[in-house]
Amino acid sequence: MNQKEFAVRIGVLQGTLSDIERGVCLPSWETIIALRGRFNCDLIGF
């Protein structure tokens, strides 16, 4: 899965995802919850 596909799956713009990856901004709680729901990952460590 590329960055664009991943961004679509979690409901953010590709540019926003790029900014999160580069540490320019932090993900919103909505994005974190989307990650948890979509990929069944743990929120510990966020």
C-alpha atoms as a PDB file:
ATOM      1  CA  MET A   1       0.000   0.000   0.000  1.00  0.00           C
ATOM      2  CA  ASN A   2       1.399   3.391  -0.898  1.00  0.00           C
ATOM      3  CA  GLN A   3       1.037   6.614   1.072  1.00  0.00           C
ATOM      4  CA  LYS A   4      -1.918   7.852  -0.963  1.00  0.00           C
ATOM      5  CA  GLU A   5      -3.847   4.595  -0.506  1.00  0.00           C
ATOM      6  CA  PHE A   6      -3.086   4.586   3.215  1.00  0.00           C
ATOM      7  CA  ALA A   7      -4.260   8.202   3.573  1.00  0.00           C
ATOM      8  CA  VAL A   8      -7.540   7.349   1.841  1.00  0.00           C
ATOM      9  CA  ARG A   9      -8.078   4.323   4.091  1.00  0.00           C
ATOM     10  CA  ILE A  10      -7.739   6.409   7.251  1.00  0.00           C
ATOM     11  CA  GLY A  11      -9.587   9.412   5.884  1.00  0.00           C
ATOM     12  CA  VAL A  12      -6.877  12.072   5.685  1.00  0.00           C
ATOM     13  CA  LEU A  13      -5.280  13.959   2.836  1.00  0.00           C
ATOM     14  CA  GLN A  14      -1.987  12.621   1.530  1.00  0.00           C
ATOM     15  CA  GLY A  15      -0.290  15.925   2.422  1.00  0.00           C
ATOM     16  CA  THR A  16      -1.537  15.652   5.993  1.00  0.00           C
ATOM     17  CA  LEU A  17      -0.217  12.115   6.272  1.00  0.00           C
ATOM     18  CA  SER A  18       3.132  13.266   4.908  1.00  0.00           C
ATOM     19  CA  ASP A  19       3.251  16.045   7.512  1.00  0.00           C
ATOM     20  CA  ILE A  20       2.488  13.541  10.286  1.00  0.00           C
ATOM     21  CA  GLU A  21       5.218  11.180   9.057  1.00  0.00           C
ATOM     22  CA  ARG A  22       7.771  14.011   8.917  1.00  0.00           C
ATOM     23  CA  GLY A  23       6.844  15.281  12.386  1.00  0.00           C
ATOM     24  CA  VAL A  24       5.493  18.582  11.081  1.00  0.00           C
ATOM     25  CA  CYS A  25       2.201  17.989  12.886  1.00  0.00           C
ATOM     26  CA  LEU A  26       0.599  15.439  15.169  1.00  0.00           C
ATOM     27  CA  PRO A  27      -2.330  13.278  14.107  1.00  0.00           C
ATOM     28  CA  SER A  28      -5.757  14.335  15.342  1.00  0.00           C
ATOM     29  CA  TRP A  29      -7.635  12.087  17.720  1.00  0.00           C
ATOM     30  CA  GLU A  30      -9.984  11.311  14.854  1.00  0.00           C
ATOM     31  CA  THR A  31      -7.051  10.053  12.799  1.00  0.00           C
ATOM     32  CA  ILE A  32      -5.739   7.964  15.684  1.00  0.00           C
ATOM     33  CA  ILE A  33      -9.179   6.438  16.245  1.00  0.00           C
ATOM     34  CA  ALA A  34      -9.475   5.730  12.501  1.00  0.00           C
ATOM     35  CA  LEU A  35      -6.120   3.920  12.595  1.00  0.00           C
ATOM     36  CA  ARG A  36      -7.234   1.864  15.576  1.00  0.00           C
ATOM     37  CA  GLY A  37     -10.550   0.947  13.992  1.00  0.00           C
ATOM     38  CA  ARG A  38      -9.231   0.235  10.510  1.00  0.00           C
ATOM     39  CA  PHE A  39      -6.112  -1.714  11.494  1.00  0.00           C
ATOM     40  CA  ASN A  40      -7.059  -2.997  14.964  1.00  0.00           C
ATOM     41  CA  CYS A  41      -3.940  -1.548  16.575  1.00  0.00           C
ATOM     42  CA  ASP A  42      -3.404  -0.527  20.189  1.00  0.00           C
ATOM     43  CA  LEU A  43      -3.508   3.124  21.225  1.00  0.00           C
ATOM     44  CA  ILE A  44      -0.816   2.663  23.881  1.00  0.00           C
ATOM     45  CA  GLY A  45       2.196   4.735  22.940  1.00  0.00           C
ATOM     46  CA  PHE A  46       0.314   7.587  21.287  1.00  0.00           C
END
